[in-house]
N, C-alpha and C. Protein backbone atom coordinates (compact mmCIF):
# COMPACT_ATOMS: atom_id res chain seq x y z
N MET A 1 44.18 47.00 -35.54
CA MET A 1 43.25 47.79 -35.66
C MET A 1 42.10 47.59 -36.60
N ILE A 2 42.49 46.93 -37.61
CA ILE A 2 41.54 46.49 -38.75
C ILE A 2 40.49 45.74 -38.21
N LYS A 3 41.00 44.39 -37.40
CA LYS A 3 40.12 43.59 -36.91
C LYS A 3 38.97 44.27 -35.98
N GLY A 4 39.41 45.26 -35.02
CA GLY A 4 38.60 45.86 -33.99
C GLY A 4 37.74 46.60 -34.69
N THR A 5 37.98 47.25 -35.53
CA THR A 5 36.85 48.10 -36.45
C THR A 5 36.01 47.32 -37.34
N LYS A 6 36.26 46.02 -37.58
CA LYS A 6 35.62 45.14 -38.60
C LYS A 6 33.78 45.47 -38.59
N ASN A 7 33.19 45.59 -37.19
CA ASN A 7 31.80 45.59 -37.60
C ASN A 7 31.58 46.91 -36.79
N ILE A 8 32.23 48.24 -37.10
CA ILE A 8 31.65 49.30 -36.78
C ILE A 8 31.76 50.16 -37.89
N SER A 9 30.52 50.89 -38.12
CA SER A 9 29.97 51.63 -39.49
C SER A 9 31.43 52.90 -39.63
N GLU A 10 31.28 53.30 -40.90
CA GLU A 10 32.31 54.16 -40.94
C GLU A 10 32.07 55.36 -40.40
N GLU A 11 30.86 55.78 -40.20
CA GLU A 11 30.69 57.05 -39.65
C GLU A 11 31.42 57.43 -38.07
N PHE A 12 31.16 56.00 -37.40
CA PHE A 12 31.90 56.15 -36.10
C PHE A 12 33.43 55.93 -36.39
N ILE A 13 34.02 55.38 -37.20
CA ILE A 13 35.39 55.38 -37.41
C ILE A 13 36.08 56.74 -37.76
N ARG A 14 35.12 57.58 -38.74
CA ARG A 14 35.39 58.85 -38.70
C ARG A 14 35.34 59.62 -37.41
N GLN A 15 34.48 59.51 -36.85
CA GLN A 15 34.30 60.49 -35.52
C GLN A 15 35.33 59.91 -34.62
N SER A 16 35.96 58.66 -34.62
CA SER A 16 36.61 58.28 -33.34
C SER A 16 38.16 58.75 -34.02
N LEU A 17 38.21 58.76 -35.38
CA LEU A 17 39.67 59.40 -35.96
C LEU A 17 39.88 60.84 -35.85
N SER A 18 38.74 61.49 -35.78
CA SER A 18 38.73 62.87 -35.66
C SER A 18 39.00 63.02 -33.90
N TYR A 19 38.23 62.49 -32.87
CA TYR A 19 38.51 62.51 -31.67
C TYR A 19 40.11 62.39 -31.36
N CYS A 20 40.54 60.95 -31.98
CA CYS A 20 41.64 60.64 -31.39
C CYS A 20 43.03 61.70 -31.94
N LEU A 21 42.93 62.44 -33.02
CA LEU A 21 43.80 62.95 -33.56
C LEU A 21 43.49 64.61 -32.74
N GLU A 22 42.36 64.82 -32.40
CA GLU A 22 42.06 66.16 -31.60
C GLU A 22 42.85 65.87 -29.98
N ASN A 23 42.84 65.08 -29.63
CA ASN A 23 43.17 64.59 -28.35
C ASN A 23 44.51 63.78 -28.27
N GLY A 24 45.19 63.57 -29.16
CA GLY A 24 46.37 62.74 -28.98
C GLY A 24 46.41 61.50 -28.31
N LEU A 25 45.31 60.88 -28.91
CA LEU A 25 45.30 59.49 -28.77
C LEU A 25 45.83 58.62 -30.06
N TYR A 26 46.97 58.23 -30.24
CA TYR A 26 47.57 57.43 -31.07
C TYR A 26 47.56 56.10 -31.11
N ASN A 27 47.10 55.35 -30.34
CA ASN A 27 47.66 53.80 -30.54
C ASN A 27 46.10 53.25 -30.84
N GLY A 28 45.86 51.98 -31.48
CA GLY A 28 45.15 51.32 -32.19
C GLY A 28 43.78 50.97 -31.03
N ASN A 29 44.23 50.35 -29.97
CA ASN A 29 43.24 50.06 -28.80
C ASN A 29 42.40 51.20 -28.92
N GLY A 30 43.02 52.22 -28.31
CA GLY A 30 41.94 53.45 -27.59
C GLY A 30 41.54 54.16 -29.27
N PHE A 31 41.79 53.85 -30.48
CA PHE A 31 41.07 54.25 -31.41
C PHE A 31 39.83 53.33 -31.45
N CYS A 32 39.76 51.81 -31.25
CA CYS A 32 38.90 51.04 -31.51
C CYS A 32 37.98 51.41 -30.09
N GLN A 33 38.27 51.79 -29.02
CA GLN A 33 37.60 51.94 -27.78
C GLN A 33 36.56 53.20 -28.24
N VAL A 34 37.29 54.27 -28.69
CA VAL A 34 36.32 55.44 -28.91
C VAL A 34 35.26 55.10 -30.02
N ALA A 35 35.54 54.33 -31.08
CA ALA A 35 34.73 53.94 -32.07
C ALA A 35 33.55 53.46 -31.55
N LEU A 36 33.95 52.50 -30.92
CA LEU A 36 32.75 51.49 -30.28
C LEU A 36 31.95 52.40 -29.23
N ASN A 37 32.62 53.47 -28.42
CA ASN A 37 31.80 54.13 -27.32
C ASN A 37 30.74 54.97 -28.23
N TYR A 38 31.29 55.62 -29.60
CA TYR A 38 30.44 56.30 -30.43
C TYR A 38 28.91 55.56 -31.28
N GLN A 39 29.47 54.21 -31.16
CA GLN A 39 28.26 53.28 -31.57
C GLN A 39 27.52 53.06 -30.40
N LYS A 40 28.15 52.62 -29.43
CA LYS A 40 27.14 52.50 -28.31
C LYS A 40 25.93 53.62 -27.72
N VAL A 41 26.78 54.53 -27.83
CA VAL A 41 26.07 56.05 -27.35
C VAL A 41 25.10 56.14 -28.51
N ASN A 42 25.25 55.89 -29.81
CA ASN A 42 24.43 56.04 -30.65
C ASN A 42 23.08 55.14 -30.95
N GLN A 43 23.28 54.03 -30.41
CA GLN A 43 22.42 52.94 -30.23
C GLN A 43 21.83 53.13 -28.75
N GLN A 44 22.29 53.72 -27.78
CA GLN A 44 21.32 54.04 -26.78
C GLN A 44 20.25 55.22 -26.97
N ALA A 45 20.89 56.29 -28.12
CA ALA A 45 20.09 57.34 -28.26
C ALA A 45 18.97 56.80 -29.29
N ASN A 46 18.96 55.76 -30.04
CA ASN A 46 18.06 55.35 -31.05
C ASN A 46 16.93 54.70 -30.16
N ARG A 47 17.46 53.76 -28.96
CA ARG A 47 16.76 52.94 -28.11
C ARG A 47 15.52 53.83 -27.49
N SER A 48 16.07 55.05 -27.10
CA SER A 48 15.49 55.89 -25.90
C SER A 48 14.48 56.53 -26.72
N LYS A 49 14.25 56.87 -28.20
CA LYS A 49 13.27 57.55 -28.54
C LYS A 49 11.78 56.85 -28.71
N ILE A 50 10.89 57.73 -28.24
CA ILE A 50 9.58 57.13 -27.95
C ILE A 50 8.61 58.00 -29.41
N ASN A 51 8.03 57.03 -30.03
CA ASN A 51 7.30 57.76 -30.93
C ASN A 51 5.62 57.58 -30.63
N ILE A 52 5.12 58.65 -30.16
CA ILE A 52 3.74 58.37 -30.03
C ILE A 52 2.70 59.40 -30.82
N ALA A 53 1.82 58.90 -31.41
CA ALA A 53 0.75 59.67 -32.46
C ALA A 53 -0.32 59.48 -32.23
N VAL A 54 -1.16 60.54 -31.75
CA VAL A 54 -2.74 60.76 -31.70
C VAL A 54 -3.15 60.67 -32.92
N ALA A 55 -4.06 60.03 -33.44
CA ALA A 55 -4.55 59.94 -34.60
C ALA A 55 -5.87 61.03 -34.90
N SER A 56 -6.50 60.98 -33.75
CA SER A 56 -7.49 62.20 -33.80
C SER A 56 -8.15 62.17 -32.10
N THR A 57 -8.64 63.24 -32.03
CA THR A 57 -9.46 63.25 -30.72
C THR A 57 -10.95 63.03 -30.68
N ASN A 58 -10.98 62.58 -31.57
CA ASN A 58 -12.86 62.33 -31.52
C ASN A 58 -13.33 61.23 -30.61
N ALA A 59 -12.16 60.54 -29.97
CA ALA A 59 -12.74 59.74 -28.89
C ALA A 59 -13.21 60.29 -27.67
N LEU A 60 -12.65 61.60 -27.63
CA LEU A 60 -12.53 62.29 -26.26
C LEU A 60 -14.37 62.90 -26.47
N ASN A 61 -14.64 62.83 -25.08
CA ASN A 61 -16.16 63.14 -25.18
C ASN A 61 -16.03 64.61 -24.20
N ASN A 62 -16.64 65.80 -24.95
CA ASN A 62 -16.73 66.99 -24.23
C ASN A 62 -17.40 66.95 -22.87
N SER A 63 -18.58 65.95 -22.67
CA SER A 63 -19.08 65.92 -21.58
C SER A 63 -18.52 65.18 -20.34
N ALA A 64 -17.08 64.25 -20.66
CA ALA A 64 -16.66 63.61 -19.87
C ALA A 64 -16.31 64.57 -18.67
N GLU A 65 -16.56 63.47 -17.34
CA GLU A 65 -16.01 64.81 -16.39
C GLU A 65 -14.46 64.58 -16.23
N MET A 66 -14.09 65.67 -16.02
CA MET A 66 -12.63 66.04 -15.79
C MET A 66 -12.67 66.99 -14.63
N SER A 67 -12.05 66.87 -13.72
CA SER A 67 -11.72 67.86 -12.54
C SER A 67 -10.54 67.61 -11.87
N VAL A 68 -10.18 68.80 -11.09
CA VAL A 68 -8.91 68.80 -10.70
C VAL A 68 -9.13 68.42 -9.18
N GLN A 69 -8.30 67.52 -8.60
CA GLN A 69 -8.52 67.25 -7.13
C GLN A 69 -7.63 68.29 -6.63
N THR A 70 -8.36 68.99 -5.40
CA THR A 70 -7.26 70.25 -4.57
C THR A 70 -7.39 69.57 -3.33
N SER A 71 -6.37 70.09 -2.89
CA SER A 71 -6.16 70.07 -1.52
C SER A 71 -6.44 70.84 -0.37
N ASN A 72 -6.59 70.53 0.83
CA ASN A 72 -6.90 71.38 1.75
C ASN A 72 -5.69 71.92 2.24
N ILE A 73 -5.89 73.29 2.50
CA ILE A 73 -4.54 73.81 2.59
C ILE A 73 -4.09 73.88 4.39
N ARG A 74 -5.18 73.43 5.32
CA ARG A 74 -5.11 73.04 6.74
C ARG A 74 -4.31 71.84 6.72
N THR A 75 -4.15 70.90 5.76
CA THR A 75 -3.55 69.68 6.08
C THR A 75 -2.19 69.98 5.92
N TYR A 76 -1.66 70.73 5.02
CA TYR A 76 -0.41 71.31 4.96
C TYR A 76 0.21 71.97 6.23
N GLU A 77 -0.60 72.96 6.42
CA GLU A 77 -0.40 73.75 7.91
C GLU A 77 -0.26 73.00 9.26
N ASN A 78 -0.96 71.85 9.18
CA ASN A 78 -1.08 71.16 10.36
C ASN A 78 0.49 70.19 10.04
N LEU A 79 0.54 69.95 9.05
CA LEU A 79 2.10 68.97 8.94
C LEU A 79 3.23 69.80 9.18
N ILE A 80 3.08 71.22 8.80
CA ILE A 80 4.28 71.91 8.93
C ILE A 80 4.46 72.30 10.25
N GLY A 81 3.33 72.71 10.65
CA GLY A 81 3.13 73.00 12.32
C GLY A 81 3.75 72.00 13.05
N SER A 82 3.49 70.75 12.93
CA SER A 82 3.98 69.59 13.75
C SER A 82 5.62 69.36 13.57
N TRP A 83 5.89 69.69 12.48
CA TRP A 83 7.34 69.59 12.60
C TRP A 83 8.21 70.83 13.15
N ASN A 84 7.53 71.95 13.35
CA ASN A 84 7.96 73.12 14.04
C ASN A 84 8.01 73.04 15.48
N ARG A 85 7.36 71.70 16.02
CA ARG A 85 7.21 71.70 17.49
C ARG A 85 8.18 71.05 18.28
């Protein structure tokens, strides 16, 4: 069990111990697998964080043309009508 936890931080070992005791998992291999899972989940959570910062909005031009494209309702009515035929 000591070899299995050699590269796992103490935080994940503590979490694994708590989980194993609460769930009646009393073997070393299970303990190591739970600790590795906690470590893996933590690494994935850290990777998925995206940090985006906007320094200022000065680059936006107030006179920039910004418009929302609208659709013609007849187009959708024709589509739905053709399905019901």
